[in-house]
Amino acid sequence: MKIAIDAMGGDFAPRAIVQGLALALEAGRFGVAEFHLVGDESAIKAELESAQIAGKPGIIIHHASEVVGMGDSAAASVRRKKDSSIARAVALVKDGVCGAVISAGNTGAAVASSTVRLRCLKGVSRPGILSPMPNDFGTCNLIDAGANTDAKPEHLLHYAIMGSVYAKHVLNRPSPIVGLMSVGEEDSKGTDFTREVFNLLKTAPINFKGNVEGHDLFKTELDVVVCDGFTGNVVLKSCEATAKAMFKWLKEELYRTPRTKMGALLAKPAFKAVHEKGNYESYGGSPLLGVNGVCIIGHGSSSPLAIKNALRVAAEALAHDLNPRIEEAIAALPSST
């Protein structure tokens, strides 16, 4: 198992990246593995020394002279920054040196670089980001969460297939339940676009529940919710912002008086449990499904714990032979789709 890591990607790179690798090695879940750290060699070596994992077997450094910033254009970065850490990391997968790549850097650059260099799997029109979200039944996986903002109905059909394959084989959901994000549960609701997608999904070889609404993400038993990348990214970021605001407001009120402070102390275990359930760090990263390789995209503010779990997600995808299963499922679709 060989994983390329964009060591310069993220708000706290390379320190958080290297510390996350150290946590992963400490957990000892990877067996015989190689971790290829890509980025500024001197900075990476310094962090390896600080994390006390310098010289450990299986850690390989690849120097990259450029970094794609969070504000850089995705398309421009692919064309102009050919020696960036994300470009070099993806190239390791393209060249067969590694099976997977993870990055907590510029999402657009990670998607563009992976799509251009790795190409799509046979039969897949566009890749999609699958992002896990907590709900009453465990997790609900939203796809696409931002890879393709100008989607066609066929793209969403492929998202539904890929999401189902991931949920079944990686998340161990025997018959994944799939919903289509719309503005009402009735078959006739939505735009011309969503109604066309609905007609494709209802005849697809998936466990299609039908249309779902925003609130269903949290209270309905769903394994995969399909939408275009524009909608998915707005939903994802709105949910993240709402969760942060709610915890901030709750904390302010709980510490407003001595009486509420006492209540907060008694309820601390419950608050901690709720926070952990919705904490992106525990999910690690979001797979970019549909590219010819494994690409895991982490949150820009990924902590060492988030990086550790992103490595776990990458290892799980590799262990379950995800891409051959996706190609098999896409090939089984009627040619008319």
C-alpha atoms as a PDB file:
ATOM      1  CA  MET A   1       0.000   0.000   0.000  1.00  0.00           C
ATOM      2  CA  LYS A   2       1.566   3.241  -1.177  1.00  0.00           C
ATOM      3  CA  ILE A   3       0.015   6.664  -0.535  1.00  0.00           C
ATOM      4  CA  ALA A   4       1.178  10.034  -1.870  1.00  0.00           C
ATOM      5  CA  ILE A   5       0.616  12.975   0.471  1.00  0.00           C
ATOM      6  CA  ASP A   6       0.481  16.636  -0.523  1.00  0.00           C
ATOM      7  CA  ALA A   7       2.582  17.827   2.404  1.00  0.00           C
ATOM      8  CA  MET A   8       2.077  21.517   1.566  1.00  0.00           C
ATOM      9  CA  GLY A   9      -1.716  21.389   1.237  1.00  0.00           C
ATOM     10  CA  GLY A  10      -3.837  22.934   3.987  1.00  0.00           C
ATOM     11  CA  ASP A  11      -3.864  25.842   6.376  1.00  0.00           C
ATOM     12  CA  PHE A  12      -1.442  24.172   8.786  1.00  0.00           C
ATOM     13  CA  ALA A  13       0.867  22.402   6.352  1.00  0.00           C
ATOM     14  CA  PRO A  14       3.367  20.867   6.531  1.00  0.00           C
ATOM     15  CA  ARG A  15       3.229  20.515  10.329  1.00  0.00           C
ATOM     16  CA  ALA A  16      -0.319  19.133  10.580  1.00  0.00           C
ATOM     17  CA  ILE A  17       0.339  16.788   7.660  1.00  0.00           C
ATOM     18  CA  VAL A  18       3.445  15.265   9.206  1.00  0.00           C
ATOM     19  CA  GLN A  19       1.896  15.077  12.675  1.00  0.00           C
ATOM     20  CA  GLY A  20      -1.111  13.318  11.140  1.00  0.00           C
ATOM     21  CA  LEU A  21       1.212  10.790   9.537  1.00  0.00           C
ATOM     22  CA  ALA A  22       2.859  10.282  12.915  1.00  0.00           C
ATOM     23  CA  LEU A  23      -0.554   9.536  14.464  1.00  0.00           C
ATOM     24  CA  ALA A  24      -1.304   7.062  11.685  1.00  0.00           C
ATOM     25  CA  LEU A  25       2.007   5.266  12.193  1.00  0.00           C
ATOM     26  CA  GLU A  26       1.428   5.181  15.948  1.00  0.00           C
ATOM     27  CA  ALA A  27      -1.972   3.577  15.410  1.00  0.00           C
ATOM     28  CA  GLY A  28      -0.243   0.870  13.379  1.00  0.00           C
ATOM     29  CA  ARG A  29      -3.189   0.144  11.074  1.00  0.00           C
ATOM     30  CA  PHE A  30      -1.342   0.159   7.768  1.00  0.00           C
ATOM     31  CA  GLY A  31       0.967  -2.839   7.998  1.00  0.00           C
ATOM     32  CA  VAL A  32       3.654  -2.680   5.322  1.00  0.00           C
ATOM     33  CA  ALA A  33       3.147   0.665   3.615  1.00  0.00           C
ATOM     34  CA  GLU A  34       4.950   3.542   1.980  1.00  0.00           C
ATOM     35  CA  PHE A  35       4.069   7.179   2.533  1.00  0.00           C
ATOM     36  CA  HIS A  36       5.386   9.570  -0.099  1.00  0.00           C
ATOM     37  CA  LEU A  37       5.504  13.130   1.239  1.00  0.00           C
ATOM     38  CA  VAL A  38       5.591  15.742  -1.524  1.00  0.00           C
ATOM     39  CA  GLY A  39       6.623  19.354  -0.975  1.00  0.00           C
ATOM     40  CA  ASP A  40       9.435  21.530   0.326  1.00  0.00           C
ATOM     41  CA  GLU A  41      12.063  18.981   1.309  1.00  0.00           C
ATOM     42  CA  SER A  42      13.741  21.030   4.037  1.00  0.00           C
ATOM     43  CA  ALA A  43      10.426  21.957   5.655  1.00  0.00           C
ATOM     44  CA  ILE A  44       9.227  18.340   5.571  1.00  0.00           C
ATOM     45  CA  LYS A  45      12.478  17.048   7.079  1.00  0.00           C
ATOM     46  CA  ALA A  46      12.240  19.591   9.898  1.00  0.00           C
ATOM     47  CA  GLU A  47       8.691  18.482  10.716  1.00  0.00           C
ATOM     48  CA  LEU A  48       9.661  14.810  10.576  1.00  0.00           C
ATOM     49  CA  GLU A  49      12.382  15.531  13.140  1.00  0.00           C
ATOM     50  CA  SER A  50       9.929  17.462  15.306  1.00  0.00           C
ATOM     51  CA  ALA A  51       7.408  14.598  15.158  1.00  0.00           C
ATOM     52  CA  GLN A  52      10.187  12.107  15.925  1.00  0.00           C
ATOM     53  CA  ILE A  53       9.504   9.974  12.866  1.00  0.00           C
ATOM     54  CA  ALA A  54      12.512  11.003  10.755  1.00  0.00           C
ATOM     55  CA  GLY A  55      14.259   7.959   9.376  1.00  0.00           C
ATOM     56  CA  LYS A  56      11.298   5.649   9.889  1.00  0.00           C
ATOM     57  CA  PRO A  57      11.040   3.013   7.151  1.00  0.00           C
ATOM     58  CA  GLY A  58       8.400   3.644   4.521  1.00  0.00           C
ATOM     59  CA  ILE A  59       8.624   7.463   4.576  1.00  0.00           C
ATOM     60  CA  ILE A  60       9.878   8.922   1.292  1.00  0.00           C
ATOM     61  CA  ILE A  61      10.253  12.615   0.450  1.00  0.00           C
ATOM     62  CA  HIS A  62       9.757  14.084  -3.032  1.00  0.00           C
ATOM     63  CA  HIS A  63      10.804  17.704  -3.360  1.00  0.00           C
ATOM     64  CA  ALA A  64       8.385  20.093  -5.076  1.00  0.00           C
ATOM     65  CA  SER A  65       9.364  23.708  -5.622  1.00  0.00           C
ATOM     66  CA  GLU A  66       5.857  25.188  -5.897  1.00  0.00           C
ATOM     67  CA  VAL A  67       2.704  25.357  -3.787  1.00  0.00           C
ATOM     68  CA  VAL A  68      -0.859  25.971  -4.961  1.00  0.00           C
ATOM     69  CA  GLY A  69      -2.435  28.517  -2.634  1.00  0.00           C
ATOM     70  CA  MET A  70      -6.032  28.394  -1.454  1.00  0.00           C
ATOM     71  CA  GLY A  71      -6.844  31.451  -3.562  1.00  0.00           C
ATOM     72  CA  ASP A  72      -5.161  30.237  -6.747  1.00  0.00           C
ATOM     73  CA  SER A  73      -7.207  29.402  -9.823  1.00  0.00           C
ATOM     74  CA  ALA A  74      -7.563  25.629 -10.188  1.00  0.00           C
ATOM     75  CA  ALA A  75      -7.215  25.634 -13.970  1.00  0.00           C
ATOM     76  CA  ALA A  76      -4.283  28.052 -13.928  1.00  0.00           C
ATOM     77  CA  SER A  77      -2.460  26.066 -11.280  1.00  0.00           C
ATOM     78  CA  VAL A  78      -2.604  22.910 -13.396  1.00  0.00           C
ATOM     79  CA  ARG A  79      -1.159  24.762 -16.399  1.00  0.00           C
ATOM     80  CA  ARG A  80       1.421  26.942 -14.687  1.00  0.00           C
ATOM     81  CA  LYS A  81       2.507  25.239 -11.473  1.00  0.00           C
ATOM     82  CA  LYS A  82       3.655  21.930 -12.864  1.00  0.00           C
ATOM     83  CA  ASP A  83       6.100  21.413  -9.990  1.00  0.00           C
ATOM     84  CA  SER A  84       3.545  22.078  -7.264  1.00  0.00           C
ATOM     85  CA  SER A  85       3.167  19.609  -4.423  1.00  0.00           C
ATOM     86  CA  ILE A  86      -0.331  18.557  -5.542  1.00  0.00           C
ATOM     87  CA  ALA A  87       0.781  18.092  -9.172  1.00  0.00           C
ATOM     88  CA  ARG A  88       3.769  15.989  -8.144  1.00  0.00           C
ATOM     89  CA  ALA A  89       1.686  13.945  -5.696  1.00  0.00           C
ATOM     90  CA  VAL A  90      -0.948  13.157  -8.344  1.00  0.00           C
ATOM     91  CA  ALA A  91       1.838  12.290 -10.805  1.00  0.00           C
ATOM     92  CA  LEU A  92       3.035   9.587  -8.402  1.00  0.00           C
ATOM     93  CA  VAL A  93      -0.374   7.914  -8.789  1.00  0.00           C
ATOM     94  CA  LYS A  94      -0.393   8.406 -12.560  1.00  0.00           C
ATOM     95  CA  ASP A  95       3.050   6.803 -12.840  1.00  0.00           C
ATOM     96  CA  GLY A  96       2.011   3.824 -10.733  1.00  0.00           C
ATOM     97  CA  VAL A  97       4.373   4.651  -7.863  1.00  0.00           C
ATOM     98  CA  CYS A  98       1.423   5.141  -5.475  1.00  0.00           C
ATOM     99  CA  GLY A  99      -2.157   3.927  -5.450  1.00  0.00           C
ATOM    100  CA  ALA A 100      -3.695   6.909  -3.697  1.00  0.00           C
ATOM    101  CA  VAL A 101      -3.154  10.614  -3.076  1.00  0.00           C
ATOM    102  CA  ILE A 102      -4.469  12.822  -0.285  1.00  0.00           C
ATOM    103  CA  SER A 103      -4.522  16.615  -0.140  1.00  0.00           C
ATOM    104  CA  ALA A 104      -5.991  19.174   2.253  1.00  0.00           C
ATOM    105  CA  GLY A 105      -5.023  22.014  -0.056  1.00  0.00           C
ATOM    106  CA  ASN A 106      -6.904  23.848  -2.792  1.00  0.00           C
ATOM    107  CA  THR A 107      -9.874  21.590  -3.598  1.00  0.00           C
ATOM    108  CA  GLY A 108     -10.265  22.878  -7.140  1.00  0.00           C
ATOM    109  CA  ALA A 109      -6.593  22.224  -7.866  1.00  0.00           C
ATOM    110  CA  ALA A 110      -6.810  18.698  -6.446  1.00  0.00           C
ATOM    111  CA  VAL A 111      -9.884  17.951  -8.581  1.00  0.00           C
ATOM    112  CA  ALA A 112      -8.438  19.528 -11.723  1.00  0.00           C
ATOM    113  CA  SER A 113      -5.038  17.899 -11.357  1.00  0.00           C
ATOM    114  CA  SER A 114      -6.542  14.471 -10.664  1.00  0.00           C
ATOM    115  CA  THR A 115      -9.027  14.748 -13.528  1.00  0.00           C
ATOM    116  CA  VAL A 116      -6.462  15.963 -16.065  1.00  0.00           C
ATOM    117  CA  ARG A 117      -3.600  13.661 -15.098  1.00  0.00           C
ATOM    118  CA  LEU A 118      -5.400  10.504 -13.981  1.00  0.00           C
ATOM    119  CA  ARG A 119      -8.384  10.773 -16.343  1.00  0.00           C
ATOM    120  CA  CYS A 120     -11.799   9.345 -15.545  1.00  0.00           C
ATOM    121  CA  LEU A 121     -12.538   5.672 -15.091  1.00  0.00           C
ATOM    122  CA  LYS A 122     -13.881   3.880 -18.155  1.00  0.00           C
ATOM    123  CA  GLY A 123     -17.505   4.897 -18.695  1.00  0.00           C
ATOM    124  CA  VAL A 124     -17.484   7.723 -16.118  1.00  0.00           C
ATOM    125  CA  SER A 125     -18.309  11.167 -17.527  1.00  0.00           C
ATOM    126  CA  ARG A 126     -17.263  13.358 -14.593  1.00  0.00           C
ATOM    127  CA  PRO A 127     -15.786  12.689 -11.149  1.00  0.00           C
ATOM    128  CA  GLY A 128     -17.696  13.701  -8.028  1.00  0.00           C
ATOM    129  CA  ILE A 129     -16.711  14.444  -4.430  1.00  0.00           C
ATOM    130  CA  LEU A 130     -18.457  12.215  -1.908  1.00  0.00           C
ATOM    131  CA  SER A 131     -18.717  13.980   1.451  1.00  0.00           C
ATOM    132  CA  PRO A 132     -19.947  12.173   4.591  1.00  0.00           C
ATOM    133  CA  MET A 133     -22.432  13.964   6.825  1.00  0.00           C
ATOM    134  CA  PRO A 134     -23.733  12.773  10.218  1.00  0.00           C
ATOM    135  CA  ASN A 135     -27.401  11.853  10.588  1.00  0.00           C
ATOM    136  CA  ASP A 136     -29.680   9.871  12.896  1.00  0.00           C
ATOM    137  CA  PHE A 137     -28.721   6.607  11.207  1.00  0.00           C
ATOM    138  CA  GLY A 138     -24.944   7.066  11.067  1.00  0.00           C
ATOM    139  CA  THR A 139     -23.716   8.905   7.986  1.00  0.00           C
ATOM    140  CA  CYS A 140     -25.328  10.221   4.836  1.00  0.00           C
ATOM    141  CA  ASN A 141     -22.950  10.686   1.899  1.00  0.00           C
ATOM    142  CA  LEU A 142     -23.507  13.711  -0.318  1.00  0.00           C
ATOM    143  CA  ILE A 143     -22.290  13.514  -3.929  1.00  0.00           C
ATOM    144  CA  ASP A 144     -21.301  15.780  -5.658  1.00  0.00           C
ATOM    145  CA  ALA A 145     -19.977  18.209  -3.031  1.00  0.00           C
ATOM    146  CA  GLY A 146     -18.259  20.548  -5.465  1.00  0.00           C
ATOM    147  CA  ALA A 147     -16.208  18.848  -8.186  1.00  0.00           C
ATOM    148  CA  ASN A 148     -18.601  19.578 -11.060  1.00  0.00           C
ATOM    149  CA  THR A 149     -20.754  22.694 -10.753  1.00  0.00           C
ATOM    150  CA  ASP A 150     -22.109  22.517 -14.308  1.00  0.00           C
ATOM    151  CA  ALA A 151     -23.493  18.984 -14.305  1.00  0.00           C
ATOM    152  CA  LYS A 152     -25.636  17.080 -16.784  1.00  0.00           C
ATOM    153  CA  PRO A 153     -28.233  14.444 -15.859  1.00  0.00           C
ATOM    154  CA  GLU A 154     -25.888  11.653 -16.959  1.00  0.00           C
ATOM    155  CA  HIS A 155     -23.269  12.896 -14.499  1.00  0.00           C
ATOM    156  CA  LEU A 156     -25.708  12.554 -11.587  1.00  0.00           C
ATOM    157  CA  LEU A 157     -26.623   9.045 -12.718  1.00  0.00           C
ATOM    158  CA  HIS A 158     -22.957   8.140 -12.491  1.00  0.00           C
ATOM    159  CA  TYR A 159     -22.693   9.824  -9.071  1.00  0.00           C
ATOM    160  CA  ALA A 160     -25.548   7.649  -7.834  1.00  0.00           C
ATOM    161  CA  ILE A 161     -23.852   4.494  -9.121  1.00  0.00           C
ATOM    162  CA  MET A 162     -20.431   5.424  -7.733  1.00  0.00           C
ATOM    163  CA  GLY A 163     -21.860   6.491  -4.386  1.00  0.00           C
ATOM    164  CA  SER A 164     -23.771   3.212  -4.101  1.00  0.00           C
ATOM    165  CA  VAL A 165     -20.654   1.183  -4.902  1.00  0.00           C
ATOM    166  CA  TYR A 166     -18.659   3.104  -2.295  1.00  0.00           C
ATOM    167  CA  ALA A 167     -21.355   2.730   0.362  1.00  0.00           C
ATOM    168  CA  LYS A 168     -21.742  -0.980  -0.318  1.00  0.00           C
ATOM    169  CA  HIS A 169     -18.136  -2.086  -0.546  1.00  0.00           C
ATOM    170  CA  VAL A 170     -16.255   0.423   1.614  1.00  0.00           C
ATOM    171  CA  LEU A 171     -18.899   1.395   4.183  1.00  0.00           C
ATOM    172  CA  ASN A 172     -20.475  -2.084   4.280  1.00  0.00           C
ATOM    173  CA  ARG A 173     -24.053  -1.013   3.508  1.00  0.00           C
ATOM    174  CA  PRO A 174     -25.660  -4.113   1.897  1.00  0.00           C
ATOM    175  CA  SER A 175     -28.299  -2.194  -0.113  1.00  0.00           C
ATOM    176  CA  PRO A 176     -27.424   1.524  -0.043  1.00  0.00           C
ATOM    177  CA  ILE A 177     -30.424   3.855  -0.047  1.00  0.00           C
ATOM    178  CA  VAL A 178     -30.096   6.637  -2.617  1.00  0.00           C
ATOM    179  CA  GLY A 179     -32.002   9.923  -2.678  1.00  0.00           C
ATOM    180  CA  LEU A 180     -32.060  12.820  -5.139  1.00  0.00           C
ATOM    181  CA  MET A 181     -31.838  16.318  -3.652  1.00  0.00           C
ATOM    182  CA  SER A 182     -34.860  18.371  -4.687  1.00  0.00           C
ATOM    183  CA  VAL A 183     -37.400  20.864  -3.324  1.00  0.00           C
ATOM    184  CA  GLY A 184     -40.088  18.300  -2.504  1.00  0.00           C
ATOM    185  CA  GLU A 185     -40.584  14.563  -2.127  1.00  0.00           C
ATOM    186  CA  GLU A 186     -43.189  14.194  -4.874  1.00  0.00           C
ATOM    187  CA  ASP A 187     -41.963  12.806  -8.192  1.00  0.00           C
ATOM    188  CA  SER A 188     -43.121  15.893 -10.062  1.00  0.00           C
ATOM    189  CA  LYS A 189     -41.243  18.387  -7.854  1.00  0.00           C
ATOM    190  CA  GLY A 190     -38.055  20.116  -8.877  1.00  0.00           C
ATOM    191  CA  THR A 191     -36.643  21.669 -12.032  1.00  0.00           C
ATOM    192  CA  ASP A 192     -36.596  20.185 -15.525  1.00  0.00           C
ATOM    193  CA  PHE A 193     -33.041  19.106 -14.706  1.00  0.00           C
ATOM    194  CA  THR A 194     -33.892  17.232 -11.486  1.00  0.00           C
ATOM    195  CA  ARG A 195     -36.956  15.620 -13.068  1.00  0.00           C
ATOM    196  CA  GLU A 196     -34.767  14.281 -15.876  1.00  0.00           C
ATOM    197  CA  VAL A 197     -32.309  12.952 -13.326  1.00  0.00           C
ATOM    198  CA  PHE A 198     -35.191  11.401 -11.383  1.00  0.00           C
ATOM    199  CA  ASN A 199     -36.288   9.445 -14.464  1.00  0.00           C
ATOM    200  CA  LEU A 200     -32.751   8.131 -14.944  1.00  0.00           C
ATOM    201  CA  LEU A 201     -32.343   7.097 -11.317  1.00  0.00           C
ATOM    202  CA  LYS A 202     -35.690   5.331 -10.984  1.00  0.00           C
ATOM    203  CA  THR A 203     -34.658   2.838 -13.706  1.00  0.00           C
ATOM    204  CA  ALA A 204     -31.032   2.515 -12.584  1.00  0.00           C
ATOM    205  CA  PRO A 205     -29.788  -0.600 -10.756  1.00  0.00           C
ATOM    206  CA  ILE A 206     -29.749   1.149  -7.362  1.00  0.00           C
ATOM    207  CA  ASN A 207     -31.965   1.263  -4.281  1.00  0.00           C
ATOM    208  CA  PHE A 208     -33.552   4.599  -5.223  1.00  0.00           C
ATOM    209  CA  LYS A 209     -35.775   6.177  -2.578  1.00  0.00           C
ATOM    210  CA  GLY A 210     -36.817   9.142  -4.741  1.00  0.00           C
ATOM    211  CA  ASN A 211     -36.642  12.868  -4.117  1.00  0.00           C
ATOM    212  CA  VAL A 212     -35.405  14.082  -0.735  1.00  0.00           C
ATOM    213  CA  GLU A 213     -35.166  17.526   0.840  1.00  0.00           C
ATOM    214  CA  GLY A 214     -32.491  19.258   2.888  1.00  0.00           C
ATOM    215  CA  HIS A 215     -33.856  18.111   6.244  1.00  0.00           C
ATOM    216  CA  ASP A 216     -33.653  14.480   5.119  1.00  0.00           C
ATOM    217  CA  LEU A 217     -29.864  14.675   5.259  1.00  0.00           C
ATOM    218  CA  PHE A 218     -30.098  14.530   9.044  1.00  0.00           C
ATOM    219  CA  LYS A 219     -33.284  12.662   9.955  1.00  0.00           C
ATOM    220  CA  THR A 220     -33.931  10.120   7.186  1.00  0.00           C
ATOM    221  CA  GLU A 221     -32.188   6.806   6.611  1.00  0.00           C
ATOM    222  CA  LEU A 222     -30.120   7.565   3.524  1.00  0.00           C
ATOM    223  CA  ASP A 223     -26.722   6.294   2.446  1.00  0.00           C
ATOM    224  CA  VAL A 224     -26.223   8.476  -0.644  1.00  0.00           C
ATOM    225  CA  VAL A 225     -27.789  11.803  -1.649  1.00  0.00           C
ATOM    226  CA  VAL A 226     -27.173  12.923  -5.226  1.00  0.00           C
ATOM    227  CA  CYS A 227     -26.994  16.512  -6.486  1.00  0.00           C
ATOM    228  CA  ASP A 228     -24.946  18.712  -8.786  1.00  0.00           C
ATOM    229  CA  GLY A 229     -21.694  20.149  -7.455  1.00  0.00           C
ATOM    230  CA  PHE A 230     -23.019  23.698  -7.118  1.00  0.00           C
ATOM    231  CA  THR A 231     -25.932  22.601  -4.909  1.00  0.00           C
ATOM    232  CA  GLY A 232     -23.815  20.125  -2.970  1.00  0.00           C
ATOM    233  CA  ASN A 233     -21.100  22.630  -2.147  1.00  0.00           C
ATOM    234  CA  VAL A 234     -23.633  25.219  -0.966  1.00  0.00           C
ATOM    235  CA  VAL A 235     -25.378  22.596   1.191  1.00  0.00           C
ATOM    236  CA  LEU A 236     -22.110  21.333   2.679  1.00  0.00           C
ATOM    237  CA  LYS A 237     -20.704  24.754   3.558  1.00  0.00           C
ATOM    238  CA  SER A 238     -24.051  25.974   4.887  1.00  0.00           C
ATOM    239  CA  CYS A 239     -24.276  22.967   7.189  1.00  0.00           C
ATOM    240  CA  GLU A 240     -20.702  23.446   8.413  1.00  0.00           C
ATOM    241  CA  ALA A 241     -21.307  27.131   9.107  1.00  0.00           C
ATOM    242  CA  THR A 242     -24.613  26.449  10.867  1.00  0.00           C
ATOM    243  CA  ALA A 243     -23.023  23.847  13.143  1.00  0.00           C
ATOM    244  CA  LYS A 244     -20.197  26.217  14.088  1.00  0.00           C
ATOM    245  CA  ALA A 245     -22.609  29.068  14.761  1.00  0.00           C
ATOM    246  CA  MET A 246     -24.892  26.915  16.911  1.00  0.00           C
ATOM    247  CA  PHE A 247     -22.027  25.704  19.102  1.00  0.00           C
ATOM    248  CA  LYS A 248     -20.731  29.281  19.424  1.00  0.00           C
ATOM    249  CA  TRP A 249     -24.140  30.618  20.464  1.00  0.00           C
ATOM    250  CA  LEU A 250     -24.712  27.733  22.844  1.00  0.00           C
ATOM    251  CA  LYS A 251     -21.326  28.268  24.492  1.00  0.00           C
ATOM    252  CA  GLU A 252     -22.012  31.991  24.930  1.00  0.00           C
ATOM    253  CA  GLU A 253     -25.340  31.310  26.631  1.00  0.00           C
ATOM    254  CA  LEU A 254     -24.019  28.507  28.832  1.00  0.00           C
ATOM    255  CA  TYR A 255     -21.235  30.692  30.204  1.00  0.00           C
ATOM    256  CA  ARG A 256     -23.429  33.753  30.684  1.00  0.00           C
ATOM    257  CA  THR A 257     -24.299  33.145  34.382  1.00  0.00           C
ATOM    258  CA  PRO A 258     -22.964  30.985  37.253  1.00  0.00           C
ATOM    259  CA  ARG A 259     -26.134  28.884  37.124  1.00  0.00           C
ATOM    260  CA  THR A 260     -25.822  28.092  33.408  1.00  0.00           C
ATOM    261  CA  LYS A 261     -22.091  27.404  33.877  1.00  0.00           C
ATOM    262  CA  MET A 262     -22.979  24.710  36.409  1.00  0.00           C
ATOM    263  CA  GLY A 263     -25.440  23.202  33.932  1.00  0.00           C
ATOM    264  CA  ALA A 264     -22.777  23.287  31.226  1.00  0.00           C
ATOM    265  CA  LEU A 265     -20.366  21.398  33.463  1.00  0.00           C
ATOM    266  CA  LEU A 266     -22.944  18.664  34.127  1.00  0.00           C
ATOM    267  CA  ALA A 267     -23.806  18.395  30.437  1.00  0.00           C
ATOM    268  CA  LYS A 268     -20.207  18.479  29.207  1.00  0.00           C
ATOM    269  CA  PRO A 269     -20.074  14.764  28.235  1.00  0.00           C
ATOM    270  CA  ALA A 270     -23.221  15.159  26.111  1.00  0.00           C
ATOM    271  CA  PHE A 271     -21.878  18.261  24.365  1.00  0.00           C
ATOM    272  CA  LYS A 272     -18.604  16.471  23.671  1.00  0.00           C
ATOM    273  CA  ALA A 273     -20.446  13.484  22.164  1.00  0.00           C
ATOM    274  CA  VAL A 274     -22.512  15.720  19.873  1.00  0.00           C
ATOM    275  CA  HIS A 275     -19.411  17.639  18.801  1.00  0.00           C
ATOM    276  CA  GLU A 276     -17.580  14.420  17.957  1.00  0.00           C
ATOM    277  CA  LYS A 277     -20.508  13.143  15.885  1.00  0.00           C
ATOM    278  CA  GLY A 278     -20.372  16.182  13.648  1.00  0.00           C
ATOM    279  CA  ASN A 279     -16.621  16.735  13.708  1.00  0.00           C
ATOM    280  CA  TYR A 280     -15.107  16.594  10.205  1.00  0.00           C
ATOM    281  CA  GLU A 281     -11.803  15.446  11.742  1.00  0.00           C
ATOM    282  CA  SER A 282     -13.246  12.027  12.526  1.00  0.00           C
ATOM    283  CA  TYR A 283     -14.295  11.537   8.881  1.00  0.00           C
ATOM    284  CA  GLY A 284     -10.876  12.543   7.581  1.00  0.00           C
ATOM    285  CA  GLY A 285     -11.523  13.308   3.955  1.00  0.00           C
ATOM    286  CA  SER A 286     -13.845  13.059   0.991  1.00  0.00           C
ATOM    287  CA  PRO A 287     -13.113  10.643  -1.873  1.00  0.00           C
ATOM    288  CA  LEU A 288     -13.090  12.055  -5.395  1.00  0.00           C
ATOM    289  CA  LEU A 289     -14.934   9.194  -7.063  1.00  0.00           C
ATOM    290  CA  GLY A 290     -14.549   8.490 -10.768  1.00  0.00           C
ATOM    291  CA  VAL A 291     -10.860   9.185 -11.399  1.00  0.00           C
ATOM    292  CA  ASN A 292      -8.394   6.470 -12.368  1.00  0.00           C
ATOM    293  CA  GLY A 293      -6.796   6.292  -8.959  1.00  0.00           C
ATOM    294  CA  VAL A 294      -7.760   7.058  -5.379  1.00  0.00           C
ATOM    295  CA  CYS A 295      -7.887  10.741  -4.458  1.00  0.00           C
ATOM    296  CA  ILE A 296      -8.927  11.872  -0.965  1.00  0.00           C
ATOM    297  CA  ILE A 297      -9.643  15.559  -0.418  1.00  0.00           C
ATOM    298  CA  GLY A 298      -9.296  16.880   3.125  1.00  0.00           C
ATOM    299  CA  HIS A 299     -10.694  20.000   4.755  1.00  0.00           C
ATOM    300  CA  GLY A 300      -8.501  23.083   4.337  1.00  0.00           C
ATOM    301  CA  SER A 301      -8.132  23.435   8.101  1.00  0.00           C
ATOM    302  CA  SER A 302      -7.325  19.751   8.613  1.00  0.00           C
ATOM    303  CA  SER A 303      -5.728  18.933  11.948  1.00  0.00           C
ATOM    304  CA  PRO A 304      -3.324  16.019  12.518  1.00  0.00           C
ATOM    305  CA  LEU A 305      -6.323  13.872  13.522  1.00  0.00           C
ATOM    306  CA  ALA A 306      -8.090  14.721  10.259  1.00  0.00           C
ATOM    307  CA  ILE A 307      -4.973  13.786   8.259  1.00  0.00           C
ATOM    308  CA  LYS A 308      -4.680  10.511  10.143  1.00  0.00           C
ATOM    309  CA  ASN A 309      -8.270   9.679   9.214  1.00  0.00           C
ATOM    310  CA  ALA A 310      -7.781  10.830   5.608  1.00  0.00           C
ATOM    311  CA  LEU A 311      -5.006   8.253   5.367  1.00  0.00           C
ATOM    312  CA  ARG A 312      -7.423   5.676   6.756  1.00  0.00           C
ATOM    313  CA  VAL A 313     -10.039   6.571   4.124  1.00  0.00           C
ATOM    314  CA  ALA A 314      -7.441   6.227   1.360  1.00  0.00           C
ATOM    315  CA  ALA A 315      -6.312   2.854   2.705  1.00  0.00           C
ATOM    316  CA  GLU A 316      -9.910   1.597   2.871  1.00  0.00           C
ATOM    317  CA  ALA A 317     -10.576   2.550  -0.750  1.00  0.00           C
ATOM    318  CA  LEU A 318      -7.426   0.738  -1.868  1.00  0.00           C
ATOM    319  CA  ALA A 319      -8.181  -2.328   0.239  1.00  0.00           C
ATOM    320  CA  HIS A 320     -11.671  -2.729  -1.244  1.00  0.00           C
ATOM    321  CA  ASP A 321     -10.627  -2.437  -4.922  1.00  0.00           C
ATOM    322  CA  LEU A 322     -13.086   0.418  -5.302  1.00  0.00           C
ATOM    323  CA  ASN A 323     -12.329   1.534  -8.861  1.00  0.00           C
ATOM    324  CA  PRO A 324     -12.713  -1.848 -10.584  1.00  0.00           C
ATOM    325  CA  ARG A 325     -16.078  -2.207  -8.851  1.00  0.00           C
ATOM    326  CA  ILE A 326     -17.164   1.238 -10.081  1.00  0.00           C
ATOM    327  CA  GLU A 327     -16.156   0.409 -13.654  1.00  0.00           C
ATOM    328  CA  GLU A 328     -18.085  -2.861 -13.466  1.00  0.00           C
ATOM    329  CA  ALA A 329     -21.220  -1.088 -12.205  1.00  0.00           C
ATOM    330  CA  ILE A 330     -21.027   1.660 -14.846  1.00  0.00           C
ATOM    331  CA  ALA A 331     -20.489  -0.921 -17.602  1.00  0.00           C
ATOM    332  CA  ALA A 332     -23.679  -2.721 -16.500  1.00  0.00           C
ATOM    333  CA  LEU A 333     -25.834   0.350 -17.287  1.00  0.00           C
ATOM    334  CA  PRO A 334     -27.950   0.167 -20.445  1.00  0.00           C
ATOM    335  CA  SER A 335     -26.148   1.797 -23.365  1.00  0.00           C
ATOM    336  CA  SER A 336     -28.976   4.324 -23.778  1.00  0.00           C
ATOM    337  CA  THR A 337     -27.900   6.040 -20.539  1.00  0.00           C
END
